[in-house]
Amino acid sequence: MKKLFLFNIFLGISLLLNAQGKLAKGSLFIIGGGNRSDVLMKEMLNTASLKANDYIIVLPMASEVPEVGFGTLSAQLQKLDPRKIRNFNFAKHDVNDKKWTDSLAGAKLIYILGGDQSRFMNVVLNTPVYTAIHKAYQNGSTIAGTSAGAAVMSKYMITGKQLLDTVYKETFNKLWDKNIEFSPGMGLLENTIIDQHFLKRNRYNRLISALAAHPDLVCVGIDESTAIIVHGNKATVAGESQVIRLANPKELKKTDKGLLKFKQAEFGIFTEGDVIDIKP
């Protein structure tokens, strides 16, 4: 009996250590879209702590014009840091190419361009590319993204569509139950949902709908020209505008007509330098 008791303690400790070991060593640099100032990009490079032999890989698969997007970004970054920047467009390249995926896993900074988050995930989900990005993050790399590249960070990725409305709108015009569409994202944040272009496109209804759909998660709206830098369960705000945090709705209900309501929730507005709690 005593041996069984000691074994159970050992098993519990082992499981705890394994869970802690899964915490990524890397960082996330999540930009809400819009203009990227040189100051913000320099902060991203500083976050990545690039050494002499480290390299940057850009993943352009969300973009309709991937070569243009890569050219604009690389020109800006090379003003700040002249190191080699590689363009890995897996939409036009074999996702099972081990040479490419090994290089991706070894990149110190991986940057995901904006565009359409579903287009990006259609290329990488359930492929070695997905695995390589996670491996890089676990081993200490910085994973960055803007706009659609921000949305893909979440496990529950907002697609932008309203399920109860066939016409796409940049802003949600309803607070209805089961109206927001999610699809699988990268899952670098399993318990936080990211929305982007937040203040510029007035996406409060969309983020509130996300919170109502997943009330146990944290929902973060990042405005344009603004980023959050994620280390573990903390995120530091950087950039020119604001970040919104929603969490813990109380007495969440829906009416017979499907209208959402709750009594209160955590609501915060944050600016550069502020540190906010998230759930990784």
C-alpha atoms as a PDB file:
ATOM      1  CA  MET A   1       0.000   0.000   0.000  1.00  0.00           C
ATOM      2  CA  LYS A   2       2.831   2.334   0.916  1.00  0.00           C
ATOM      3  CA  LYS A   3       4.590   1.561  -2.390  1.00  0.00           C
ATOM      4  CA  LEU A   4       1.412   2.335  -4.301  1.00  0.00           C
ATOM      5  CA  PHE A   5       1.045   5.641  -2.442  1.00  0.00           C
ATOM      6  CA  LEU A   6       4.638   6.628  -3.238  1.00  0.00           C
ATOM      7  CA  PHE A   7       4.172   5.595  -6.875  1.00  0.00           C
ATOM      8  CA  ASN A   8       1.090   7.799  -7.175  1.00  0.00           C
ATOM      9  CA  ILE A   9       3.019  10.760  -5.751  1.00  0.00           C
ATOM     10  CA  PHE A  10       5.871  10.119  -8.180  1.00  0.00           C
ATOM     11  CA  LEU A  11       3.430   9.836 -11.075  1.00  0.00           C
ATOM     12  CA  GLY A  12       1.749  13.107 -10.101  1.00  0.00           C
ATOM     13  CA  ILE A  13       5.069  14.938  -9.898  1.00  0.00           C
ATOM     14  CA  SER A  14       6.155  13.504 -13.255  1.00  0.00           C
ATOM     15  CA  LEU A  15       2.946  14.602 -14.926  1.00  0.00           C
ATOM     16  CA  LEU A  16       3.324  18.093 -13.451  1.00  0.00           C
ATOM     17  CA  LEU A  17       6.918  18.383 -14.656  1.00  0.00           C
ATOM     18  CA  ASN A  18       5.931  17.174 -18.104  1.00  0.00           C
ATOM     19  CA  ALA A  19       3.144  19.760 -18.269  1.00  0.00           C
ATOM     20  CA  GLN A  20       5.544  22.495 -17.217  1.00  0.00           C
ATOM     21  CA  GLY A  21       8.060  21.270 -19.778  1.00  0.00           C
ATOM     22  CA  LYS A  22       5.528  21.918 -22.519  1.00  0.00           C
ATOM     23  CA  LEU A  23       5.647  25.657 -21.892  1.00  0.00           C
ATOM     24  CA  ALA A  24       7.309  27.168 -24.926  1.00  0.00           C
ATOM     25  CA  LYS A  25      10.707  28.786 -24.557  1.00  0.00           C
ATOM     26  CA  GLY A  26       9.954  31.193 -27.377  1.00  0.00           C
ATOM     27  CA  SER A  27       7.920  34.360 -27.769  1.00  0.00           C
ATOM     28  CA  LEU A  28       5.000  35.531 -29.861  1.00  0.00           C
ATOM     29  CA  PHE A  29       5.013  38.982 -31.450  1.00  0.00           C
ATOM     30  CA  ILE A  30       1.420  39.538 -32.550  1.00  0.00           C
ATOM     31  CA  ILE A  31       0.666  42.669 -34.598  1.00  0.00           C
ATOM     32  CA  GLY A  32      -2.862  43.932 -35.163  1.00  0.00           C
ATOM     33  CA  GLY A  33      -2.248  44.901 -38.795  1.00  0.00           C
ATOM     34  CA  GLY A  34      -1.904  48.286 -40.478  1.00  0.00           C
ATOM     35  CA  ASN A  35       1.345  50.216 -40.719  1.00  0.00           C
ATOM     36  CA  ARG A  36       4.384  48.696 -39.046  1.00  0.00           C
ATOM     37  CA  SER A  37       6.679  51.411 -37.777  1.00  0.00           C
ATOM     38  CA  ASP A  38      10.429  50.898 -37.795  1.00  0.00           C
ATOM     39  CA  VAL A  39      10.306  51.254 -34.008  1.00  0.00           C
ATOM     40  CA  LEU A  40       7.832  48.377 -33.734  1.00  0.00           C
ATOM     41  CA  MET A  41       9.846  46.199 -36.103  1.00  0.00           C
ATOM     42  CA  LYS A  42      13.024  46.951 -34.179  1.00  0.00           C
ATOM     43  CA  GLU A  43      11.290  45.802 -31.025  1.00  0.00           C
ATOM     44  CA  MET A  44      10.347  42.577 -32.800  1.00  0.00           C
ATOM     45  CA  LEU A  45      13.977  42.001 -33.771  1.00  0.00           C
ATOM     46  CA  ASN A  46      15.061  42.709 -30.200  1.00  0.00           C
ATOM     47  CA  THR A  47      12.489  40.238 -28.901  1.00  0.00           C
ATOM     48  CA  ALA A  48      13.951  37.558 -31.176  1.00  0.00           C
ATOM     49  CA  SER A  49      17.475  38.206 -29.764  1.00  0.00           C
ATOM     50  CA  LEU A  50      19.080  37.318 -33.075  1.00  0.00           C
ATOM     51  CA  LYS A  51      22.690  36.137 -32.985  1.00  0.00           C
ATOM     52  CA  ALA A  52      25.187  36.329 -35.858  1.00  0.00           C
ATOM     53  CA  ASN A  53      24.232  33.013 -37.484  1.00  0.00           C
ATOM     54  CA  ASP A  54      20.480  33.262 -36.862  1.00  0.00           C
ATOM     55  CA  TYR A  55      18.117  33.758 -39.783  1.00  0.00           C
ATOM     56  CA  ILE A  56      14.574  34.928 -40.474  1.00  0.00           C
ATOM     57  CA  ILE A  57      11.939  33.062 -42.474  1.00  0.00           C
ATOM     58  CA  VAL A  58       8.810  34.740 -43.832  1.00  0.00           C
ATOM     59  CA  LEU A  59       5.678  32.663 -44.479  1.00  0.00           C
ATOM     60  CA  PRO A  60       3.563  34.551 -47.063  1.00  0.00           C
ATOM     61  CA  MET A  61       0.775  32.022 -47.647  1.00  0.00           C
ATOM     62  CA  ALA A  62      -2.048  34.203 -46.279  1.00  0.00           C
ATOM     63  CA  SER A  63      -1.350  36.929 -48.825  1.00  0.00           C
ATOM     64  CA  GLU A  64      -2.951  37.305 -52.250  1.00  0.00           C
ATOM     65  CA  VAL A  65       0.298  38.915 -53.411  1.00  0.00           C
ATOM     66  CA  PRO A  66       2.940  36.952 -51.484  1.00  0.00           C
ATOM     67  CA  GLU A  67       5.946  38.216 -53.431  1.00  0.00           C
ATOM     68  CA  VAL A  68       4.923  41.845 -52.948  1.00  0.00           C
ATOM     69  CA  GLY A  69       4.270  41.300 -49.249  1.00  0.00           C
ATOM     70  CA  PHE A  70       7.614  39.601 -48.771  1.00  0.00           C
ATOM     71  CA  GLY A  71       9.427  42.324 -50.683  1.00  0.00           C
ATOM     72  CA  THR A  72       7.911  45.114 -48.588  1.00  0.00           C
ATOM     73  CA  LEU A  73       8.635  43.390 -45.286  1.00  0.00           C
ATOM     74  CA  SER A  74      12.178  42.306 -46.149  1.00  0.00           C
ATOM     75  CA  ALA A  75      13.071  45.805 -47.372  1.00  0.00           C
ATOM     76  CA  GLN A  76      11.926  47.271 -44.059  1.00  0.00           C
ATOM     77  CA  LEU A  77      13.678  44.665 -41.925  1.00  0.00           C
ATOM     78  CA  GLN A  78      16.959  44.899 -43.804  1.00  0.00           C
ATOM     79  CA  LYS A  79      17.121  48.620 -43.062  1.00  0.00           C
ATOM     80  CA  LEU A  80      17.199  47.582 -39.406  1.00  0.00           C
ATOM     81  CA  ASP A  81      19.192  44.347 -39.682  1.00  0.00           C
ATOM     82  CA  PRO A  82      21.029  43.312 -42.877  1.00  0.00           C
ATOM     83  CA  ARG A  83      20.903  39.559 -42.235  1.00  0.00           C
ATOM     84  CA  LYS A  84      19.438  37.107 -44.768  1.00  0.00           C
ATOM     85  CA  ILE A  85      15.648  36.808 -44.884  1.00  0.00           C
ATOM     86  CA  ARG A  86      14.159  33.762 -46.584  1.00  0.00           C
ATOM     87  CA  ASN A  87      10.782  33.517 -48.297  1.00  0.00           C
ATOM     88  CA  PHE A  88       9.182  30.074 -47.782  1.00  0.00           C
ATOM     89  CA  ASN A  89       5.961  30.027 -49.806  1.00  0.00           C
ATOM     90  CA  PHE A  90       4.570  26.587 -49.047  1.00  0.00           C
ATOM     91  CA  ALA A  91       1.521  27.358 -51.188  1.00  0.00           C
ATOM     92  CA  LYS A  92       3.827  26.783 -54.154  1.00  0.00           C
ATOM     93  CA  HIS A  93       6.259  24.344 -52.544  1.00  0.00           C
ATOM     94  CA  ASP A  94       5.973  20.803 -51.190  1.00  0.00           C
ATOM     95  CA  VAL A  95       4.976  20.971 -47.518  1.00  0.00           C
ATOM     96  CA  ASN A  96       6.749  17.630 -47.021  1.00  0.00           C
ATOM     97  CA  ASP A  97      10.140  18.935 -48.161  1.00  0.00           C
ATOM     98  CA  LYS A  98      12.248  18.025 -45.124  1.00  0.00           C
ATOM     99  CA  LYS A  99      15.040  20.408 -46.048  1.00  0.00           C
ATOM    100  CA  TRP A 100      12.602  23.303 -45.962  1.00  0.00           C
ATOM    101  CA  THR A 101      10.746  22.220 -42.820  1.00  0.00           C
ATOM    102  CA  ASP A 102      14.002  21.577 -40.965  1.00  0.00           C
ATOM    103  CA  SER A 103      15.160  25.074 -41.938  1.00  0.00           C
ATOM    104  CA  LEU A 104      11.836  26.465 -40.732  1.00  0.00           C
ATOM    105  CA  ALA A 105      12.174  24.701 -37.379  1.00  0.00           C
ATOM    106  CA  GLY A 106      15.664  26.197 -37.020  1.00  0.00           C
ATOM    107  CA  ALA A 107      14.679  29.789 -37.779  1.00  0.00           C
ATOM    108  CA  LYS A 108      15.112  32.198 -34.877  1.00  0.00           C
ATOM    109  CA  LEU A 109      12.344  34.472 -36.187  1.00  0.00           C
ATOM    110  CA  ILE A 110       9.341  33.304 -38.227  1.00  0.00           C
ATOM    111  CA  TYR A 111       7.060  35.997 -39.625  1.00  0.00           C
ATOM    112  CA  ILE A 112       3.549  35.270 -40.969  1.00  0.00           C
ATOM    113  CA  LEU A 113       2.241  37.848 -43.438  1.00  0.00           C
ATOM    114  CA  GLY A 114      -1.315  39.211 -43.447  1.00  0.00           C
ATOM    115  CA  GLY A 115      -4.100  38.432 -45.876  1.00  0.00           C
ATOM    116  CA  ASP A 116      -6.604  35.638 -45.303  1.00  0.00           C
ATOM    117  CA  GLN A 117      -6.030  33.465 -42.233  1.00  0.00           C
ATOM    118  CA  SER A 118      -8.060  30.601 -43.692  1.00  0.00           C
ATOM    119  CA  ARG A 119      -5.859  30.610 -46.799  1.00  0.00           C
ATOM    120  CA  PHE A 120      -2.804  30.203 -44.566  1.00  0.00           C
ATOM    121  CA  MET A 121      -4.272  27.394 -42.468  1.00  0.00           C
ATOM    122  CA  ASN A 122      -5.493  25.536 -45.560  1.00  0.00           C
ATOM    123  CA  VAL A 123      -1.841  25.210 -46.549  1.00  0.00           C
ATOM    124  CA  VAL A 124      -0.237  24.317 -43.198  1.00  0.00           C
ATOM    125  CA  LEU A 125      -2.808  22.477 -41.067  1.00  0.00           C
ATOM    126  CA  ASN A 126      -1.917  18.828 -40.418  1.00  0.00           C
ATOM    127  CA  THR A 127       1.390  19.161 -42.281  1.00  0.00           C
ATOM    128  CA  PRO A 128       5.089  19.153 -41.279  1.00  0.00           C
ATOM    129  CA  VAL A 129       5.008  22.937 -41.669  1.00  0.00           C
ATOM    130  CA  TYR A 130       2.622  23.220 -38.708  1.00  0.00           C
ATOM    131  CA  THR A 131       4.881  20.912 -36.685  1.00  0.00           C
ATOM    132  CA  ALA A 132       8.016  22.859 -37.609  1.00  0.00           C
ATOM    133  CA  ILE A 133       6.524  26.166 -36.440  1.00  0.00           C
ATOM    134  CA  HIS A 134       5.601  24.612 -33.096  1.00  0.00           C
ATOM    135  CA  LYS A 135       9.059  23.073 -32.769  1.00  0.00           C
ATOM    136  CA  ALA A 136      10.691  26.441 -33.385  1.00  0.00           C
ATOM    137  CA  TYR A 137       8.458  28.085 -30.783  1.00  0.00           C
ATOM    138  CA  GLN A 138       9.096  25.367 -28.215  1.00  0.00           C
ATOM    139  CA  ASN A 139      12.848  25.691 -28.731  1.00  0.00           C
ATOM    140  CA  GLY A 140      13.001  29.448 -28.183  1.00  0.00           C
ATOM    141  CA  SER A 141      12.196  31.135 -31.480  1.00  0.00           C
ATOM    142  CA  THR A 142       9.951  34.156 -31.900  1.00  0.00           C
ATOM    143  CA  ILE A 143       6.829  33.607 -34.008  1.00  0.00           C
ATOM    144  CA  ALA A 144       5.500  36.898 -35.356  1.00  0.00           C
ATOM    145  CA  GLY A 145       2.528  37.770 -37.501  1.00  0.00           C
ATOM    146  CA  THR A 146       0.342  40.656 -38.592  1.00  0.00           C
ATOM    147  CA  SER A 147      -3.377  40.838 -39.367  1.00  0.00           C
ATOM    148  CA  ALA A 148      -4.230  37.330 -40.625  1.00  0.00           C
ATOM    149  CA  GLY A 149      -0.839  36.330 -39.231  1.00  0.00           C
ATOM    150  CA  ALA A 150      -2.143  37.443 -35.839  1.00  0.00           C
ATOM    151  CA  ALA A 151      -5.442  35.573 -36.116  1.00  0.00           C
ATOM    152  CA  VAL A 152      -3.714  32.253 -36.835  1.00  0.00           C
ATOM    153  CA  MET A 153      -1.931  32.317 -33.463  1.00  0.00           C
ATOM    154  CA  SER A 154      -5.075  31.096 -31.685  1.00  0.00           C
ATOM    155  CA  LYS A 155      -6.336  27.543 -31.415  1.00  0.00           C
ATOM    156  CA  TYR A 156      -9.846  28.880 -32.043  1.00  0.00           C
ATOM    157  CA  MET A 157      -9.215  31.117 -35.038  1.00  0.00           C
ATOM    158  CA  ILE A 158     -11.794  33.751 -35.980  1.00  0.00           C
ATOM    159  CA  THR A 159     -12.465  33.423 -39.708  1.00  0.00           C
ATOM    160  CA  GLY A 160     -14.377  36.708 -40.033  1.00  0.00           C
ATOM    161  CA  LYS A 161     -17.653  35.134 -41.148  1.00  0.00           C
ATOM    162  CA  GLN A 162     -21.014  35.442 -39.427  1.00  0.00           C
ATOM    163  CA  LEU A 163     -22.745  32.074 -39.481  1.00  0.00           C
ATOM    164  CA  LEU A 164     -26.208  33.650 -39.396  1.00  0.00           C
ATOM    165  CA  ASP A 165     -25.517  36.165 -42.159  1.00  0.00           C
ATOM    166  CA  THR A 166     -24.465  35.268 -45.691  1.00  0.00           C
ATOM    167  CA  VAL A 167     -22.974  38.708 -46.414  1.00  0.00           C
ATOM    168  CA  TYR A 168     -19.414  39.298 -45.170  1.00  0.00           C
ATOM    169  CA  LYS A 169     -18.885  42.466 -43.114  1.00  0.00           C
ATOM    170  CA  GLU A 170     -15.627  43.778 -41.687  1.00  0.00           C
ATOM    171  CA  THR A 171     -17.508  44.494 -38.453  1.00  0.00           C
ATOM    172  CA  PHE A 172     -20.120  42.247 -36.850  1.00  0.00           C
ATOM    173  CA  ASN A 173     -23.533  43.921 -36.633  1.00  0.00           C
ATOM    174  CA  LYS A 174     -25.125  41.335 -34.323  1.00  0.00           C
ATOM    175  CA  LEU A 175     -24.652  39.873 -30.857  1.00  0.00           C
ATOM    176  CA  TRP A 176     -26.340  36.552 -31.489  1.00  0.00           C
ATOM    177  CA  ASP A 177     -25.651  33.110 -30.112  1.00  0.00           C
ATOM    178  CA  LYS A 178     -23.717  30.773 -32.431  1.00  0.00           C
ATOM    179  CA  ASN A 179     -23.094  33.505 -35.001  1.00  0.00           C
ATOM    180  CA  ILE A 180     -19.287  33.617 -34.980  1.00  0.00           C
ATOM    181  CA  GLU A 181     -17.324  31.132 -37.061  1.00  0.00           C
ATOM    182  CA  PHE A 182     -14.095  29.581 -35.834  1.00  0.00           C
ATOM    183  CA  SER A 183     -11.755  27.192 -37.564  1.00  0.00           C
ATOM    184  CA  PRO A 184      -8.532  25.545 -36.352  1.00  0.00           C
ATOM    185  CA  GLY A 185      -5.604  27.927 -36.078  1.00  0.00           C
ATOM    186  CA  MET A 186      -1.971  27.302 -35.200  1.00  0.00           C
ATOM    187  CA  GLY A 187      -2.759  26.804 -31.516  1.00  0.00           C
ATOM    188  CA  LEU A 188       0.331  28.673 -30.344  1.00  0.00           C
ATOM    189  CA  LEU A 189      -2.195  30.255 -27.982  1.00  0.00           C
ATOM    190  CA  GLU A 190      -4.548  27.475 -26.899  1.00  0.00           C
ATOM    191  CA  ASN A 191      -6.586  29.515 -24.436  1.00  0.00           C
ATOM    192  CA  THR A 192      -6.542  33.036 -25.868  1.00  0.00           C
ATOM    193  CA  ILE A 193      -8.449  34.234 -28.920  1.00  0.00           C
ATOM    194  CA  ILE A 194      -6.900  37.040 -30.970  1.00  0.00           C
ATOM    195  CA  ASP A 195      -8.757  39.599 -33.080  1.00  0.00           C
ATOM    196  CA  GLN A 196      -6.968  42.213 -35.174  1.00  0.00           C
ATOM    197  CA  HIS A 197      -7.501  45.667 -36.770  1.00  0.00           C
ATOM    198  CA  PHE A 198      -9.566  46.009 -33.626  1.00  0.00           C
ATOM    199  CA  LEU A 199     -10.315  49.682 -33.016  1.00  0.00           C
ATOM    200  CA  LYS A 200      -9.858  50.669 -36.654  1.00  0.00           C
ATOM    201  CA  ARG A 201     -12.631  48.284 -37.732  1.00  0.00           C
ATOM    202  CA  ASN A 202     -14.734  48.482 -34.560  1.00  0.00           C
ATOM    203  CA  ARG A 203     -14.748  44.743 -33.877  1.00  0.00           C
ATOM    204  CA  TYR A 204     -16.242  44.767 -30.377  1.00  0.00           C
ATOM    205  CA  ASN A 205     -19.278  42.710 -31.393  1.00  0.00           C
ATOM    206  CA  ARG A 206     -17.021  40.078 -32.902  1.00  0.00           C
ATOM    207  CA  LEU A 207     -14.811  39.780 -29.814  1.00  0.00           C
ATOM    208  CA  ILE A 208     -17.808  39.717 -27.476  1.00  0.00           C
ATOM    209  CA  SER A 209     -19.284  36.946 -29.626  1.00  0.00           C
ATOM    210  CA  ALA A 210     -15.999  35.041 -29.335  1.00  0.00           C
ATOM    211  CA  LEU A 211     -16.057  35.428 -25.555  1.00  0.00           C
ATOM    212  CA  ALA A 212     -19.653  34.201 -25.394  1.00  0.00           C
ATOM    213  CA  ALA A 213     -18.721  31.175 -27.496  1.00  0.00           C
ATOM    214  CA  HIS A 214     -15.705  30.380 -25.277  1.00  0.00           C
ATOM    215  CA  PRO A 215     -16.339  32.028 -21.895  1.00  0.00           C
ATOM    216  CA  ASP A 216     -13.451  30.177 -20.249  1.00  0.00           C
ATOM    217  CA  LEU A 217     -10.904  31.756 -22.589  1.00  0.00           C
ATOM    218  CA  VAL A 218      -9.318  35.219 -22.735  1.00  0.00           C
ATOM    219  CA  CYS A 219     -10.159  37.351 -25.777  1.00  0.00           C
ATOM    220  CA  VAL A 220      -7.716  40.016 -26.958  1.00  0.00           C
ATOM    221  CA  GLY A 221      -8.337  42.664 -29.612  1.00  0.00           C
ATOM    222  CA  ILE A 222      -5.205  44.317 -31.034  1.00  0.00           C
ATOM    223  CA  ASP A 223      -5.458  47.575 -32.926  1.00  0.00           C
ATOM    224  CA  GLU A 224      -3.436  48.483 -36.006  1.00  0.00           C
ATOM    225  CA  SER A 225       0.222  49.525 -35.626  1.00  0.00           C
ATOM    226  CA  THR A 226       0.153  47.796 -32.235  1.00  0.00           C
ATOM    227  CA  ALA A 227       1.372  44.443 -30.940  1.00  0.00           C
ATOM    228  CA  ILE A 228       1.420  42.179 -27.934  1.00  0.00           C
ATOM    229  CA  ILE A 229       4.632  40.371 -27.016  1.00  0.00           C
ATOM    230  CA  VAL A 230       3.762  37.066 -25.372  1.00  0.00           C
ATOM    231  CA  HIS A 231       6.011  35.296 -22.882  1.00  0.00           C
ATOM    232  CA  GLY A 232       4.197  32.487 -21.091  1.00  0.00           C
ATOM    233  CA  ASN A 233       0.997  33.822 -19.523  1.00  0.00           C
ATOM    234  CA  LYS A 234       1.928  37.500 -19.819  1.00  0.00           C
ATOM    235  CA  ALA A 235       1.677  39.831 -22.798  1.00  0.00           C
ATOM    236  CA  THR A 236       3.351  43.235 -23.056  1.00  0.00           C
ATOM    237  CA  VAL A 237       1.773  45.887 -25.271  1.00  0.00           C
ATOM    238  CA  ALA A 238       3.942  47.658 -27.853  1.00  0.00           C
ATOM    239  CA  GLY A 239       3.189  50.195 -30.551  1.00  0.00           C
ATOM    240  CA  GLU A 240       1.071  53.236 -31.183  1.00  0.00           C
ATOM    241  CA  SER A 241      -2.507  52.347 -30.232  1.00  0.00           C
ATOM    242  CA  GLN A 242      -4.402  50.118 -27.801  1.00  0.00           C
ATOM    243  CA  VAL A 243      -5.213  46.534 -26.906  1.00  0.00           C
ATOM    244  CA  ILE A 244      -8.555  45.360 -25.515  1.00  0.00           C
ATOM    245  CA  ARG A 245      -8.868  42.400 -23.129  1.00  0.00           C
ATOM    246  CA  LEU A 246     -12.164  40.613 -22.388  1.00  0.00           C
ATOM    247  CA  ALA A 247     -12.604  37.675 -20.002  1.00  0.00           C
ATOM    248  CA  ASN A 248     -14.850  35.945 -17.475  1.00  0.00           C
ATOM    249  CA  PRO A 249     -18.427  36.844 -18.459  1.00  0.00           C
ATOM    250  CA  LYS A 250     -20.878  36.458 -15.559  1.00  0.00           C
ATOM    251  CA  GLU A 251     -24.362  34.991 -15.914  1.00  0.00           C
ATOM    252  CA  LEU A 252     -23.952  34.367 -19.622  1.00  0.00           C
ATOM    253  CA  LYS A 253     -27.305  33.594 -21.217  1.00  0.00           C
ATOM    254  CA  LYS A 254     -29.214  33.730 -24.476  1.00  0.00           C
ATOM    255  CA  THR A 255     -32.811  34.715 -25.053  1.00  0.00           C
ATOM    256  CA  ASP A 256     -35.397  32.604 -26.847  1.00  0.00           C
ATOM    257  CA  LYS A 257     -34.558  34.619 -29.971  1.00  0.00           C
ATOM    258  CA  GLY A 258     -30.859  33.815 -29.618  1.00  0.00           C
ATOM    259  CA  LEU A 259     -29.707  37.217 -28.355  1.00  0.00           C
ATOM    260  CA  LEU A 260     -26.616  37.135 -26.140  1.00  0.00           C
ATOM    261  CA  LYS A 261     -26.481  38.725 -22.722  1.00  0.00           C
ATOM    262  CA  PHE A 262     -24.349  38.630 -19.600  1.00  0.00           C
ATOM    263  CA  LYS A 263     -24.251  40.697 -16.416  1.00  0.00           C
ATOM    264  CA  GLN A 264     -20.616  41.768 -16.502  1.00  0.00           C
ATOM    265  CA  ALA A 265     -17.140  40.749 -17.654  1.00  0.00           C
ATOM    266  CA  GLU A 266     -13.527  41.778 -17.237  1.00  0.00           C
ATOM    267  CA  PHE A 267     -12.819  44.625 -19.645  1.00  0.00           C
ATOM    268  CA  GLY A 268      -9.511  46.415 -19.971  1.00  0.00           C
ATOM    269  CA  ILE A 269      -7.878  48.872 -22.354  1.00  0.00           C
ATOM    270  CA  PHE A 270      -4.094  48.830 -22.478  1.00  0.00           C
ATOM    271  CA  THR A 271      -1.339  50.864 -24.111  1.00  0.00           C
ATOM    272  CA  GLU A 272       2.380  50.570 -24.767  1.00  0.00           C
ATOM    273  CA  GLY A 273       4.329  49.094 -21.874  1.00  0.00           C
ATOM    274  CA  ASP A 274       1.317  47.625 -20.090  1.00  0.00           C
ATOM    275  CA  VAL A 275       1.475  43.938 -19.140  1.00  0.00           C
ATOM    276  CA  ILE A 276      -1.727  41.929 -19.357  1.00  0.00           C
ATOM    277  CA  ASP A 277      -2.685  38.438 -18.240  1.00  0.00           C
ATOM    278  CA  ILE A 278      -3.475  35.924 -20.941  1.00  0.00           C
ATOM    279  CA  LYS A 279      -3.880  32.167 -21.077  1.00  0.00           C
ATOM    280  CA  PRO A 280      -1.205  30.463 -23.214  1.00  0.00           C
END
